[in-house]
Amino acid sequence: MTTILVTGAAGFIGFHLSKRLLQDGYRVVGIDNINDYYDVNLKEARLGQLLAEPNFSFVKEDLENKEGIMRLFDENRPDTIVNLAAQAGVRYSLVNPYAYIDSNVTGFINVLEACRHFKSGHLIYASSSSVYGANSKMPFSVHHNVDHPISLYAATKKSNELMAHTYSHLFGLPVTGLRFFTVYGPWGRPDMALFLFTKSILSGEPIQVFNNGKMRRDFTYIDDIVEGISRLVKRKPEPNPLWSSDSPDPGTSYAPYRLYNIGNNQPVELMEFIAVLEEKLGRKAQMEFLPLQAGDVPETFADVGDLIRDVGFKPKTSIREGIGKFTEWYTQYYGVTSK
């Protein structure tokens, strides 16, 4: 049975991906440090569902613990690694920058070193749409340069892409980087807008609407993210024979290295997003309009042409469907009434 190691398995994306991989017949080894960046009870509830599966095993560990990561690889010899563990959040990186270096840089080099020493077959890792930073050309493409990040979080994710390419070049490690675009859905992160908005609206408190509502986001439903990853698990990247140093392509390489956007390819106005949420909850939101936050970008828009070409998949869940599924989960999980 093929073994897949999922880091951040108790996290939002890691939980959903682990469930899907188990359904697809893989053995899944999960790792997570269950930190308190957000509600630990939510993480433990996700993990509880996974632990009920016979082909899932779990190790509580920090990626920063080099010896622990080496031991984990030695004992399990994973065929594929999906690295989703990271310190998330753009705004929190202004408050606690060292957490991002520890988890996203030190932790990632430990994963790369373990992949190198145990000759892993394929490393898939989470990057972020945040790497596009000051780019203004739309839609964002993996073939654009991304040399101007505007948050430390984005800088650490860009660093991951550079580090991954280095190991792909030096050791022939097949690596696939995934730039996720504003992921949402059931079991989501409490620090994300949809979760925060829902909680505030149901409790009668105002929601904070940044950039005075003039934001557009390529909101991507969790099932579409998982579908994209599950297809890429089966596709090891290969060198691009057309790559040239005279006109280098940032999205590919002469090494077995690829980058993909996974986004809905359909930006939505923030005010429309809020209107759909109000409809699904049957309540109106009180809004506090605020300026654009440091580190945020006003618009994201994913070019997913490479994803469609290589694995035949394009995210398609509408915000109406996705928000509806989220609010159903939220009201049931927290035992609250929406209407």
C-alpha atoms as a PDB file:
ATOM      1  CA  MET A   1       0.000   0.000   0.000  1.00  0.00           C
ATOM      2  CA  THR A   2       1.345   3.415  -0.972  1.00  0.00           C
ATOM      3  CA  THR A   3       2.153   5.598   2.036  1.00  0.00           C
ATOM      4  CA  ILE A   4       1.550   9.348   1.928  1.00  0.00           C
ATOM      5  CA  LEU A   5       2.793  11.640   4.677  1.00  0.00           C
ATOM      6  CA  VAL A   6       0.569  14.675   5.255  1.00  0.00           C
ATOM      7  CA  THR A   7       2.034  17.420   7.436  1.00  0.00           C
ATOM      8  CA  GLY A   8      -0.514  19.678   9.089  1.00  0.00           C
ATOM      9  CA  ALA A   9      -3.013  16.798   9.079  1.00  0.00           C
ATOM     10  CA  ALA A  10      -5.150  18.358  11.824  1.00  0.00           C
ATOM     11  CA  GLY A  11      -5.363  21.604   9.851  1.00  0.00           C
ATOM     12  CA  PHE A  12      -8.162  22.664   7.537  1.00  0.00           C
ATOM     13  CA  ILE A  13      -6.739  21.490   4.212  1.00  0.00           C
ATOM     14  CA  GLY A  14      -4.718  18.646   5.733  1.00  0.00           C
ATOM     15  CA  PHE A  15      -7.816  17.145   7.345  1.00  0.00           C
ATOM     16  CA  HIS A  16      -9.873  17.187   4.151  1.00  0.00           C
ATOM     17  CA  LEU A  17      -6.980  15.907   2.039  1.00  0.00           C
ATOM     18  CA  SER A  18      -6.249  13.061   4.463  1.00  0.00           C
ATOM     19  CA  LYS A  19      -9.896  11.965   4.324  1.00  0.00           C
ATOM     20  CA  ARG A  20      -9.794  11.942   0.526  1.00  0.00           C
ATOM     21  CA  LEU A  21      -6.509  10.018   0.341  1.00  0.00           C
ATOM     22  CA  LEU A  22      -7.842   7.397   2.751  1.00  0.00           C
ATOM     23  CA  GLN A  23     -10.950   7.028   0.593  1.00  0.00           C
ATOM     24  CA  ASP A  24      -8.681   6.576  -2.432  1.00  0.00           C
ATOM     25  CA  GLY A  25      -6.949   3.622  -0.759  1.00  0.00           C
ATOM     26  CA  TYR A  26      -3.704   5.155   0.482  1.00  0.00           C
ATOM     27  CA  ARG A  27      -2.085   4.678   3.863  1.00  0.00           C
ATOM     28  CA  VAL A  28      -1.841   8.130   5.410  1.00  0.00           C
ATOM     29  CA  VAL A  29       0.611   9.173   8.101  1.00  0.00           C
ATOM     30  CA  GLY A  30      -0.353  12.513   9.617  1.00  0.00           C
ATOM     31  CA  ILE A  31       1.818  14.920  11.556  1.00  0.00           C
ATOM     32  CA  ASP A  32       0.775  18.096  13.354  1.00  0.00           C
ATOM     33  CA  ASN A  33       1.937  19.993  16.421  1.00  0.00           C
ATOM     34  CA  ILE A  34      -1.659  20.999  17.351  1.00  0.00           C
ATOM     35  CA  ASN A  35      -0.543  24.531  18.245  1.00  0.00           C
ATOM     36  CA  ASP A  36      -2.891  27.148  19.677  1.00  0.00           C
ATOM     37  CA  TYR A  37      -2.813  29.650  16.798  1.00  0.00           C
ATOM     38  CA  TYR A  38      -6.548  28.980  16.686  1.00  0.00           C
ATOM     39  CA  ASP A  39      -9.039  26.779  18.572  1.00  0.00           C
ATOM     40  CA  VAL A  40      -7.313  23.522  19.514  1.00  0.00           C
ATOM     41  CA  ASN A  41     -10.698  21.856  20.037  1.00  0.00           C
ATOM     42  CA  LEU A  42     -11.466  22.264  16.338  1.00  0.00           C
ATOM     43  CA  LYS A  43      -8.146  20.669  15.397  1.00  0.00           C
ATOM     44  CA  GLU A  44      -8.727  17.776  17.778  1.00  0.00           C
ATOM     45  CA  ALA A  45     -12.239  17.233  16.410  1.00  0.00           C
ATOM     46  CA  ARG A  46     -10.840  16.970  12.879  1.00  0.00           C
ATOM     47  CA  LEU A  47      -8.120  14.622  14.079  1.00  0.00           C
ATOM     48  CA  GLY A  48     -10.646  12.470  15.905  1.00  0.00           C
ATOM     49  CA  GLN A  49     -12.389  11.688  12.614  1.00  0.00           C
ATOM     50  CA  LEU A  50      -9.116  10.694  10.979  1.00  0.00           C
ATOM     51  CA  LEU A  51      -8.022   8.486  13.870  1.00  0.00           C
ATOM     52  CA  ALA A  52     -11.181   6.428  13.387  1.00  0.00           C
ATOM     53  CA  GLU A  53      -9.818   5.286  10.005  1.00  0.00           C
ATOM     54  CA  PRO A  54      -7.781   2.027  10.024  1.00  0.00           C
ATOM     55  CA  ASN A  55      -5.166   3.212   7.525  1.00  0.00           C
ATOM     56  CA  PHE A  56      -4.420   6.484   9.306  1.00  0.00           C
ATOM     57  CA  SER A  57      -1.704   6.959  11.909  1.00  0.00           C
ATOM     58  CA  PHE A  58      -0.690  10.152  13.657  1.00  0.00           C
ATOM     59  CA  VAL A  59       2.443  11.635  15.188  1.00  0.00           C
ATOM     60  CA  LYS A  60       2.355  14.844  17.206  1.00  0.00           C
ATOM     61  CA  GLU A  61       5.533  16.686  16.280  1.00  0.00           C
ATOM     62  CA  ASP A  62       6.971  20.069  15.274  1.00  0.00           C
ATOM     63  CA  LEU A  63       8.517  20.366  11.830  1.00  0.00           C
ATOM     64  CA  GLU A  64      11.302  22.364  13.485  1.00  0.00           C
ATOM     65  CA  ASN A  65      12.415  19.216  15.353  1.00  0.00           C
ATOM     66  CA  LYS A  66      14.941  17.826  12.876  1.00  0.00           C
ATOM     67  CA  GLU A  67      15.553  14.586  14.787  1.00  0.00           C
ATOM     68  CA  GLY A  68      11.829  13.940  15.123  1.00  0.00           C
ATOM     69  CA  ILE A  69      11.216  14.475  11.409  1.00  0.00           C
ATOM     70  CA  MET A  70      14.110  12.200  10.448  1.00  0.00           C
ATOM     71  CA  ARG A  71      12.789   9.508  12.773  1.00  0.00           C
ATOM     72  CA  LEU A  72       9.291   9.867  11.304  1.00  0.00           C
ATOM     73  CA  PHE A  73      10.622   9.368   7.764  1.00  0.00           C
ATOM     74  CA  ASP A  74      12.821   6.464   8.834  1.00  0.00           C
ATOM     75  CA  GLU A  75       9.958   4.619  10.512  1.00  0.00           C
ATOM     76  CA  ASN A  76       7.350   5.207   7.786  1.00  0.00           C
ATOM     77  CA  ARG A  77       9.322   5.603   4.532  1.00  0.00           C
ATOM     78  CA  PRO A  78       6.609   7.628   2.792  1.00  0.00           C
ATOM     79  CA  ASP A  79       6.358   7.392  -0.995  1.00  0.00           C
ATOM     80  CA  THR A  80       4.857  10.877  -1.311  1.00  0.00           C
ATOM     81  CA  ILE A  81       4.900  13.835   1.068  1.00  0.00           C
ATOM     82  CA  VAL A  82       2.277  16.581   1.074  1.00  0.00           C
ATOM     83  CA  ASN A  83       3.636  19.424   3.206  1.00  0.00           C
ATOM     84  CA  LEU A  84       0.730  21.578   4.382  1.00  0.00           C
ATOM     85  CA  ALA A  85       2.021  22.433   7.867  1.00  0.00           C
ATOM     86  CA  ALA A  86       2.884  26.107   8.179  1.00  0.00           C
ATOM     87  CA  GLN A  87       2.295  29.181  10.237  1.00  0.00           C
ATOM     88  CA  ALA A  88      -0.568  30.738   8.333  1.00  0.00           C
ATOM     89  CA  GLY A  89      -2.028  34.233   8.214  1.00  0.00           C
ATOM     90  CA  VAL A  90      -0.830  37.450   6.590  1.00  0.00           C
ATOM     91  CA  ARG A  91      -1.727  39.814   9.425  1.00  0.00           C
ATOM     92  CA  TYR A  92      -0.327  37.644  12.215  1.00  0.00           C
ATOM     93  CA  SER A  93       3.061  37.770  10.497  1.00  0.00           C
ATOM     94  CA  LEU A  94       3.255  41.453  11.445  1.00  0.00           C
ATOM     95  CA  VAL A  95       2.818  40.501  15.104  1.00  0.00           C
ATOM     96  CA  ASN A  96       4.872  37.325  15.459  1.00  0.00           C
ATOM     97  CA  PRO A  97       7.378  37.124  12.574  1.00  0.00           C
ATOM     98  CA  TYR A  98       9.616  34.531  14.236  1.00  0.00           C
ATOM     99  CA  ALA A  99       6.815  31.945  14.181  1.00  0.00           C
ATOM    100  CA  TYR A 100       6.916  32.108  10.377  1.00  0.00           C
ATOM    101  CA  ILE A 101      10.670  31.600  10.154  1.00  0.00           C
ATOM    102  CA  ASP A 102      10.538  28.685  12.600  1.00  0.00           C
ATOM    103  CA  SER A 103       7.695  26.824  10.932  1.00  0.00           C
ATOM    104  CA  ASN A 104       7.790  27.881   7.294  1.00  0.00           C
ATOM    105  CA  VAL A 105      11.551  28.072   6.744  1.00  0.00           C
ATOM    106  CA  THR A 106      13.278  25.922   9.374  1.00  0.00           C
ATOM    107  CA  GLY A 107      10.457  23.380   9.288  1.00  0.00           C
ATOM    108  CA  PHE A 108      10.530  23.218   5.506  1.00  0.00           C
ATOM    109  CA  ILE A 109      14.281  22.645   5.284  1.00  0.00           C
ATOM    110  CA  ASN A 110      13.852  19.718   7.675  1.00  0.00           C
ATOM    111  CA  VAL A 111      11.246  18.224   5.341  1.00  0.00           C
ATOM    112  CA  LEU A 112      13.507  18.743   2.332  1.00  0.00           C
ATOM    113  CA  GLU A 113      16.466  17.141   4.105  1.00  0.00           C
ATOM    114  CA  ALA A 114      14.354  14.137   5.101  1.00  0.00           C
ATOM    115  CA  CYS A 115      13.113  13.776   1.522  1.00  0.00           C
ATOM    116  CA  ARG A 116      16.716  13.888   0.317  1.00  0.00           C
ATOM    117  CA  HIS A 117      18.126  11.359   2.770  1.00  0.00           C
ATOM    118  CA  PHE A 118      15.264   8.885   2.460  1.00  0.00           C
ATOM    119  CA  LYS A 119      14.978   9.323  -1.322  1.00  0.00           C
ATOM    120  CA  SER A 120      11.307  10.215  -1.309  1.00  0.00           C
ATOM    121  CA  GLY A 121       9.504   9.882  -4.604  1.00  0.00           C
ATOM    122  CA  HIS A 122       7.569  13.161  -4.710  1.00  0.00           C
ATOM    123  CA  LEU A 123       7.210  16.230  -2.494  1.00  0.00           C
ATOM    124  CA  ILE A 124       4.088  18.348  -2.881  1.00  0.00           C
ATOM    125  CA  TYR A 125       4.067  21.497  -0.770  1.00  0.00           C
ATOM    126  CA  ALA A 126       1.740  24.396  -0.052  1.00  0.00           C
ATOM    127  CA  SER A 127       2.704  27.785  -1.341  1.00  0.00           C
ATOM    128  CA  SER A 128       0.203  30.652  -1.464  1.00  0.00           C
ATOM    129  CA  SER A 129      -1.388  33.230  -3.729  1.00  0.00           C
ATOM    130  CA  SER A 130       0.227  35.740  -1.364  1.00  0.00           C
ATOM    131  CA  VAL A 131       3.526  35.297  -3.226  1.00  0.00           C
ATOM    132  CA  TYR A 132       2.142  37.454  -6.047  1.00  0.00           C
ATOM    133  CA  GLY A 133       2.496  40.436  -3.706  1.00  0.00           C
ATOM    134  CA  ALA A 134       2.768  43.679  -5.633  1.00  0.00           C
ATOM    135  CA  ASN A 135       1.978  42.024  -8.973  1.00  0.00           C
ATOM    136  CA  SER A 136      -0.941  43.745 -10.664  1.00  0.00           C
ATOM    137  CA  LYS A 137      -1.179  41.845 -13.962  1.00  0.00           C
ATOM    138  CA  MET A 138      -4.311  39.674 -13.893  1.00  0.00           C
ATOM    139  CA  PRO A 139      -4.912  36.802 -13.784  1.00  0.00           C
ATOM    140  CA  PHE A 140      -1.946  35.756 -11.645  1.00  0.00           C
ATOM    141  CA  SER A 141       0.122  33.186 -13.519  1.00  0.00           C
ATOM    142  CA  VAL A 142       2.837  30.813 -12.302  1.00  0.00           C
ATOM    143  CA  HIS A 143       4.806  32.035 -15.318  1.00  0.00           C
ATOM    144  CA  HIS A 144       5.016  35.563 -13.877  1.00  0.00           C
ATOM    145  CA  ASN A 145       7.926  36.640 -11.694  1.00  0.00           C
ATOM    146  CA  VAL A 146       7.013  37.029  -8.030  1.00  0.00           C
ATOM    147  CA  ASP A 147       9.893  39.006  -6.604  1.00  0.00           C
ATOM    148  CA  HIS A 148       7.980  41.644  -4.612  1.00  0.00           C
ATOM    149  CA  PRO A 149       6.164  40.052  -1.637  1.00  0.00           C
ATOM    150  CA  ILE A 150       4.377  42.471   0.688  1.00  0.00           C
ATOM    151  CA  SER A 151       4.156  40.347   3.850  1.00  0.00           C
ATOM    152  CA  LEU A 152       6.602  38.137   5.700  1.00  0.00           C
ATOM    153  CA  TYR A 153       4.174  35.243   5.295  1.00  0.00           C
ATOM    154  CA  ALA A 154       4.399  35.656   1.508  1.00  0.00           C
ATOM    155  CA  ALA A 155       8.175  35.934   1.704  1.00  0.00           C
ATOM    156  CA  THR A 156       8.432  32.617   3.554  1.00  0.00           C
ATOM    157  CA  LYS A 157       6.247  30.932   0.943  1.00  0.00           C
ATOM    158  CA  LYS A 158       8.373  32.351  -1.859  1.00  0.00           C
ATOM    159  CA  SER A 159      11.384  31.038   0.072  1.00  0.00           C
ATOM    160  CA  ASN A 160       9.808  27.574   0.066  1.00  0.00           C
ATOM    161  CA  GLU A 161       9.570  27.676  -3.713  1.00  0.00           C
ATOM    162  CA  LEU A 162      13.236  28.664  -4.018  1.00  0.00           C
ATOM    163  CA  MET A 163      14.369  26.034  -1.515  1.00  0.00           C
ATOM    164  CA  ALA A 164      12.342  23.354  -3.267  1.00  0.00           C
ATOM    165  CA  HIS A 165      13.892  24.228  -6.613  1.00  0.00           C
ATOM    166  CA  THR A 166      17.379  24.023  -5.114  1.00  0.00           C
ATOM    167  CA  TYR A 167      16.754  20.467  -3.855  1.00  0.00           C
ATOM    168  CA  SER A 168      15.144  19.509  -7.148  1.00  0.00           C
ATOM    169  CA  HIS A 169      18.260  20.746  -8.973  1.00  0.00           C
ATOM    170  CA  LEU A 170      20.848  19.277  -6.599  1.00  0.00           C
ATOM    171  CA  PHE A 171      19.262  15.919  -5.790  1.00  0.00           C
ATOM    172  CA  GLY A 172      16.733  15.286  -8.532  1.00  0.00           C
ATOM    173  CA  LEU A 173      13.866  15.494  -6.015  1.00  0.00           C
ATOM    174  CA  PRO A 174      10.510  15.808  -7.814  1.00  0.00           C
ATOM    175  CA  VAL A 175       8.742  18.794  -6.233  1.00  0.00           C
ATOM    176  CA  THR A 176       5.347  20.335  -6.915  1.00  0.00           C
ATOM    177  CA  GLY A 177       4.416  23.702  -5.381  1.00  0.00           C
ATOM    178  CA  LEU A 178       0.761  24.683  -5.022  1.00  0.00           C
ATOM    179  CA  ARG A 179      -0.355  28.293  -4.750  1.00  0.00           C
ATOM    180  CA  PHE A 180      -3.717  28.183  -2.986  1.00  0.00           C
ATOM    181  CA  PHE A 181      -6.251  30.996  -3.420  1.00  0.00           C
ATOM    182  CA  THR A 182      -8.431  31.902  -0.382  1.00  0.00           C
ATOM    183  CA  VAL A 183      -9.609  28.440   0.630  1.00  0.00           C
ATOM    184  CA  TYR A 184     -12.927  28.145   2.474  1.00  0.00           C
ATOM    185  CA  GLY A 185     -15.462  25.511   3.458  1.00  0.00           C
ATOM    186  CA  PRO A 186     -16.639  23.265   6.335  1.00  0.00           C
ATOM    187  CA  TRP A 187     -14.107  22.740   9.138  1.00  0.00           C
ATOM    188  CA  GLY A 188     -12.349  25.930   7.979  1.00  0.00           C
ATOM    189  CA  ARG A 189      -9.928  28.137   9.875  1.00  0.00           C
ATOM    190  CA  PRO A 190     -11.505  30.468  12.466  1.00  0.00           C
ATOM    191  CA  ASP A 191      -9.159  33.313  11.468  1.00  0.00           C
ATOM    192  CA  MET A 192     -10.473  33.421   7.894  1.00  0.00           C
ATOM    193  CA  ALA A 193     -13.073  35.955   6.748  1.00  0.00           C
ATOM    194  CA  LEU A 194     -15.991  33.559   6.184  1.00  0.00           C
ATOM    195  CA  PHE A 195     -15.642  32.046   9.649  1.00  0.00           C
ATOM    196  CA  LEU A 196     -15.224  35.453  11.323  1.00  0.00           C
ATOM    197  CA  PHE A 197     -18.132  36.971   9.401  1.00  0.00           C
ATOM    198  CA  THR A 198     -20.452  34.069  10.207  1.00  0.00           C
ATOM    199  CA  LYS A 199     -19.641  34.141  13.903  1.00  0.00           C
ATOM    200  CA  SER A 200     -20.159  37.917  14.133  1.00  0.00           C
ATOM    201  CA  ILE A 201     -23.392  37.988  12.138  1.00  0.00           C
ATOM    202  CA  LEU A 202     -24.951  35.204  14.218  1.00  0.00           C
ATOM    203  CA  SER A 203     -23.956  36.937  17.455  1.00  0.00           C
ATOM    204  CA  GLY A 204     -25.210  40.334  16.282  1.00  0.00           C
ATOM    205  CA  GLU A 205     -21.771  41.916  16.210  1.00  0.00           C
ATOM    206  CA  PRO A 206     -20.359  44.070  13.372  1.00  0.00           C
ATOM    207  CA  ILE A 207     -18.017  42.573  10.803  1.00  0.00           C
ATOM    208  CA  GLN A 208     -14.825  44.341   9.749  1.00  0.00           C
ATOM    209  CA  VAL A 209     -14.811  45.075   6.017  1.00  0.00           C
ATOM    210  CA  PHE A 210     -11.356  46.107   4.868  1.00  0.00           C
ATOM    211  CA  ASN A 211     -10.464  48.455   2.008  1.00  0.00           C
ATOM    212  CA  ASN A 212     -14.008  49.809   2.424  1.00  0.00           C
ATOM    213  CA  GLY A 213     -15.319  46.663   0.748  1.00  0.00           C
ATOM    214  CA  LYS A 214     -13.372  47.242  -2.463  1.00  0.00           C
ATOM    215  CA  MET A 215     -11.785  43.793  -2.496  1.00  0.00           C
ATOM    216  CA  ARG A 216     -11.973  40.927  -4.972  1.00  0.00           C
ATOM    217  CA  ARG A 217     -10.921  37.426  -4.051  1.00  0.00           C
ATOM    218  CA  ASP A 218     -10.646  34.178  -5.960  1.00  0.00           C
ATOM    219  CA  PHE A 219     -12.477  32.198  -3.259  1.00  0.00           C
ATOM    220  CA  THR A 220     -11.788  28.480  -3.685  1.00  0.00           C
ATOM    221  CA  TYR A 221     -13.923  25.770  -2.100  1.00  0.00           C
ATOM    222  CA  ILE A 222     -12.072  23.108  -0.129  1.00  0.00           C
ATOM    223  CA  ASP A 223     -13.292  20.169  -2.247  1.00  0.00           C
ATOM    224  CA  ASP A 224     -11.779  21.801  -5.338  1.00  0.00           C
ATOM    225  CA  ILE A 225      -8.449  22.233  -3.552  1.00  0.00           C
ATOM    226  CA  VAL A 226      -8.461  18.574  -2.491  1.00  0.00           C
ATOM    227  CA  GLU A 227      -9.409  17.366  -5.968  1.00  0.00           C
ATOM    228  CA  GLY A 228      -6.484  19.272  -7.460  1.00  0.00           C
ATOM    229  CA  ILE A 229      -4.016  17.895  -4.919  1.00  0.00           C
ATOM    230  CA  SER A 230      -5.280  14.317  -5.255  1.00  0.00           C
ATOM    231  CA  ARG A 231      -4.736  14.429  -9.006  1.00  0.00           C
ATOM    232  CA  LEU A 232      -1.253  15.886  -8.648  1.00  0.00           C
ATOM    233  CA  VAL A 233      -0.316  13.143  -6.161  1.00  0.00           C
ATOM    234  CA  LYS A 234      -0.428  10.792  -9.142  1.00  0.00           C
ATOM    235  CA  ARG A 235       1.654  13.065 -11.377  1.00  0.00           C
ATOM    236  CA  LYS A 236       5.338  13.474 -10.638  1.00  0.00           C
ATOM    237  CA  PRO A 237       6.805  16.584 -12.255  1.00  0.00           C
ATOM    238  CA  GLU A 238       9.357  16.127 -14.991  1.00  0.00           C
ATOM    239  CA  PRO A 239      11.960  18.529 -16.371  1.00  0.00           C
ATOM    240  CA  ASN A 240      10.698  20.955 -18.982  1.00  0.00           C
ATOM    241  CA  PRO A 241      12.718  20.161 -22.135  1.00  0.00           C
ATOM    242  CA  LEU A 242      11.935  23.620 -23.536  1.00  0.00           C
ATOM    243  CA  TRP A 243      13.242  25.503 -20.512  1.00  0.00           C
ATOM    244  CA  SER A 244      16.021  27.929 -21.404  1.00  0.00           C
ATOM    245  CA  SER A 245      18.233  30.204 -19.332  1.00  0.00           C
ATOM    246  CA  ASP A 246      17.866  32.787 -22.097  1.00  0.00           C
ATOM    247  CA  SER A 247      14.159  33.128 -21.285  1.00  0.00           C
ATOM    248  CA  PRO A 248      13.595  31.294 -17.990  1.00  0.00           C
ATOM    249  CA  ASP A 249      10.087  30.199 -17.080  1.00  0.00           C
ATOM    250  CA  PRO A 250       9.411  30.697 -13.340  1.00  0.00           C
ATOM    251  CA  GLY A 251       6.696  28.038 -13.310  1.00  0.00           C
ATOM    252  CA  THR A 252       8.835  25.175 -14.606  1.00  0.00           C
ATOM    253  CA  SER A 253      12.506  24.183 -14.754  1.00  0.00           C
ATOM    254  CA  TYR A 254      15.170  21.989 -16.314  1.00  0.00           C
ATOM    255  CA  ALA A 255      14.802  20.115 -12.979  1.00  0.00           C
ATOM    256  CA  PRO A 256      11.721  18.031 -11.998  1.00  0.00           C
ATOM    257  CA  TYR A 257       9.940  21.088 -10.597  1.00  0.00           C
ATOM    258  CA  ARG A 258       6.479  22.539 -11.188  1.00  0.00           C
ATOM    259  CA  LEU A 259       4.251  25.253  -9.773  1.00  0.00           C
ATOM    260  CA  TYR A 260       0.464  25.347 -10.033  1.00  0.00           C
ATOM    261  CA  ASN A 261      -2.244  27.775  -9.032  1.00  0.00           C
ATOM    262  CA  ILE A 262      -5.322  26.194  -7.486  1.00  0.00           C
ATOM    263  CA  GLY A 263      -8.014  28.849  -7.525  1.00  0.00           C
ATOM    264  CA  ASN A 264     -11.580  29.212  -8.704  1.00  0.00           C
ATOM    265  CA  ASN A 265     -10.526  31.356 -11.701  1.00  0.00           C
ATOM    266  CA  GLN A 266     -13.474  33.623 -10.952  1.00  0.00           C
ATOM    267  CA  PRO A 267     -12.858  36.560  -8.581  1.00  0.00           C
ATOM    268  CA  VAL A 268     -15.812  37.665  -6.468  1.00  0.00           C
ATOM    269  CA  GLU A 269     -16.451  41.117  -5.041  1.00  0.00           C
ATOM    270  CA  LEU A 270     -16.233  41.069  -1.252  1.00  0.00           C
ATOM    271  CA  MET A 271     -19.619  42.789  -0.939  1.00  0.00           C
ATOM    272  CA  GLU A 272     -21.197  40.082  -3.104  1.00  0.00           C
ATOM    273  CA  PHE A 273     -19.565  37.445  -0.905  1.00  0.00           C
ATOM    274  CA  ILE A 274     -21.102  39.093   2.177  1.00  0.00           C
ATOM    275  CA  ALA A 275     -24.513  39.349   0.476  1.00  0.00           C
ATOM    276  CA  VAL A 276     -24.542  35.606  -0.245  1.00  0.00           C
ATOM    277  CA  LEU A 277     -23.569  34.885   3.352  1.00  0.00           C
ATOM    278  CA  GLU A 278     -26.384  37.130   4.613  1.00  0.00           C
ATOM    279  CA  GLU A 279     -28.817  35.231   2.393  1.00  0.00           C
ATOM    280  CA  LYS A 280     -27.656  31.826   3.635  1.00  0.00           C
ATOM    281  CA  LEU A 281     -27.802  32.908   7.286  1.00  0.00           C
ATOM    282  CA  GLY A 282     -31.076  34.802   6.898  1.00  0.00           C
ATOM    283  CA  ARG A 283     -29.598  37.793   8.709  1.00  0.00           C
ATOM    284  CA  LYS A 284     -28.159  41.166   7.756  1.00  0.00           C
ATOM    285  CA  ALA A 285     -24.596  42.068   8.657  1.00  0.00           C
ATOM    286  CA  GLN A 286     -23.607  45.177  10.542  1.00  0.00           C
ATOM    287  CA  MET A 287     -20.503  46.454   8.775  1.00  0.00           C
ATOM    288  CA  GLU A 288     -17.531  48.438   9.990  1.00  0.00           C
ATOM    289  CA  PHE A 289     -15.654  49.743   6.955  1.00  0.00           C
ATOM    290  CA  LEU A 290     -11.895  49.995   7.393  1.00  0.00           C
ATOM    291  CA  PRO A 291      -8.852  50.806   5.199  1.00  0.00           C
ATOM    292  CA  LEU A 292      -6.736  48.153   3.500  1.00  0.00           C
ATOM    293  CA  GLN A 293      -4.658  46.252   6.031  1.00  0.00           C
ATOM    294  CA  ALA A 294      -0.863  46.142   5.811  1.00  0.00           C
ATOM    295  CA  GLY A 295       0.248  43.075   3.862  1.00  0.00           C
ATOM    296  CA  ASP A 296      -3.114  42.571   2.115  1.00  0.00           C
ATOM    297  CA  VAL A 297      -3.698  42.892  -1.620  1.00  0.00           C
ATOM    298  CA  PRO A 298      -6.940  44.301  -3.053  1.00  0.00           C
ATOM    299  CA  GLU A 299      -7.462  41.556  -5.659  1.00  0.00           C
ATOM    300  CA  THR A 300      -6.518  37.965  -6.467  1.00  0.00           C
ATOM    301  CA  PHE A 301      -7.313  36.033  -9.651  1.00  0.00           C
ATOM    302  CA  ALA A 302      -5.837  32.620 -10.484  1.00  0.00           C
ATOM    303  CA  ASP A 303      -4.773  31.507 -13.941  1.00  0.00           C
ATOM    304  CA  VAL A 304      -5.322  27.732 -13.749  1.00  0.00           C
ATOM    305  CA  GLY A 305      -4.417  26.890 -17.331  1.00  0.00           C
ATOM    306  CA  ASP A 306      -1.479  24.672 -16.307  1.00  0.00           C
ATOM    307  CA  LEU A 307      -3.654  22.718 -13.876  1.00  0.00           C
ATOM    308  CA  ILE A 308      -6.276  22.117 -16.559  1.00  0.00           C
ATOM    309  CA  ARG A 309      -3.651  21.077 -19.101  1.00  0.00           C
ATOM    310  CA  ASP A 310      -1.738  18.699 -16.851  1.00  0.00           C
ATOM    311  CA  VAL A 311      -4.450  17.000 -14.782  1.00  0.00           C
ATOM    312  CA  GLY A 312      -7.676  17.928 -16.570  1.00  0.00           C
ATOM    313  CA  PHE A 313      -9.252  19.732 -13.653  1.00  0.00           C
ATOM    314  CA  LYS A 314     -10.646  23.225 -13.139  1.00  0.00           C
ATOM    315  CA  PRO A 315     -12.132  24.306  -9.788  1.00  0.00           C
ATOM    316  CA  LYS A 316     -15.819  25.041 -10.281  1.00  0.00           C
ATOM    317  CA  THR A 317     -17.733  25.321  -6.981  1.00  0.00           C
ATOM    318  CA  SER A 318     -19.721  28.573  -6.864  1.00  0.00           C
ATOM    319  CA  ILE A 319     -19.659  30.763  -3.763  1.00  0.00           C
ATOM    320  CA  ARG A 320     -23.413  30.242  -3.387  1.00  0.00           C
ATOM    321  CA  GLU A 321     -22.930  26.482  -3.148  1.00  0.00           C
ATOM    322  CA  GLY A 322     -19.740  26.698  -1.093  1.00  0.00           C
ATOM    323  CA  ILE A 323     -21.022  29.242   1.434  1.00  0.00           C
ATOM    324  CA  GLY A 324     -24.222  27.236   1.772  1.00  0.00           C
ATOM    325  CA  LYS A 325     -22.260  24.113   2.707  1.00  0.00           C
ATOM    326  CA  PHE A 326     -20.134  26.084   5.158  1.00  0.00           C
ATOM    327  CA  THR A 327     -23.094  27.646   6.966  1.00  0.00           C
ATOM    328  CA  GLU A 328     -24.810  24.252   7.223  1.00  0.00           C
ATOM    329  CA  TRP A 329     -21.693  22.817   8.846  1.00  0.00           C
ATOM    330  CA  TYR A 330     -21.141  25.821  11.120  1.00  0.00           C
ATOM    331  CA  THR A 331     -24.659  25.925  12.529  1.00  0.00           C
ATOM    332  CA  GLN A 332     -24.659  22.176  13.119  1.00  0.00           C
ATOM    333  CA  TYR A 333     -21.151  22.025  14.632  1.00  0.00           C
ATOM    334  CA  TYR A 334     -21.695  24.978  16.982  1.00  0.00           C
ATOM    335  CA  GLY A 335     -25.366  24.271  17.628  1.00  0.00           C
ATOM    336  CA  VAL A 336     -26.626  27.705  16.605  1.00  0.00           C
ATOM    337  CA  THR A 337     -29.679  28.801  14.654  1.00  0.00           C
ATOM    338  CA  SER A 338     -29.144  30.823  11.502  1.00  0.00           C
ATOM    339  CA  LYS A 339     -32.679  31.937  10.676  1.00  0.00           C
END
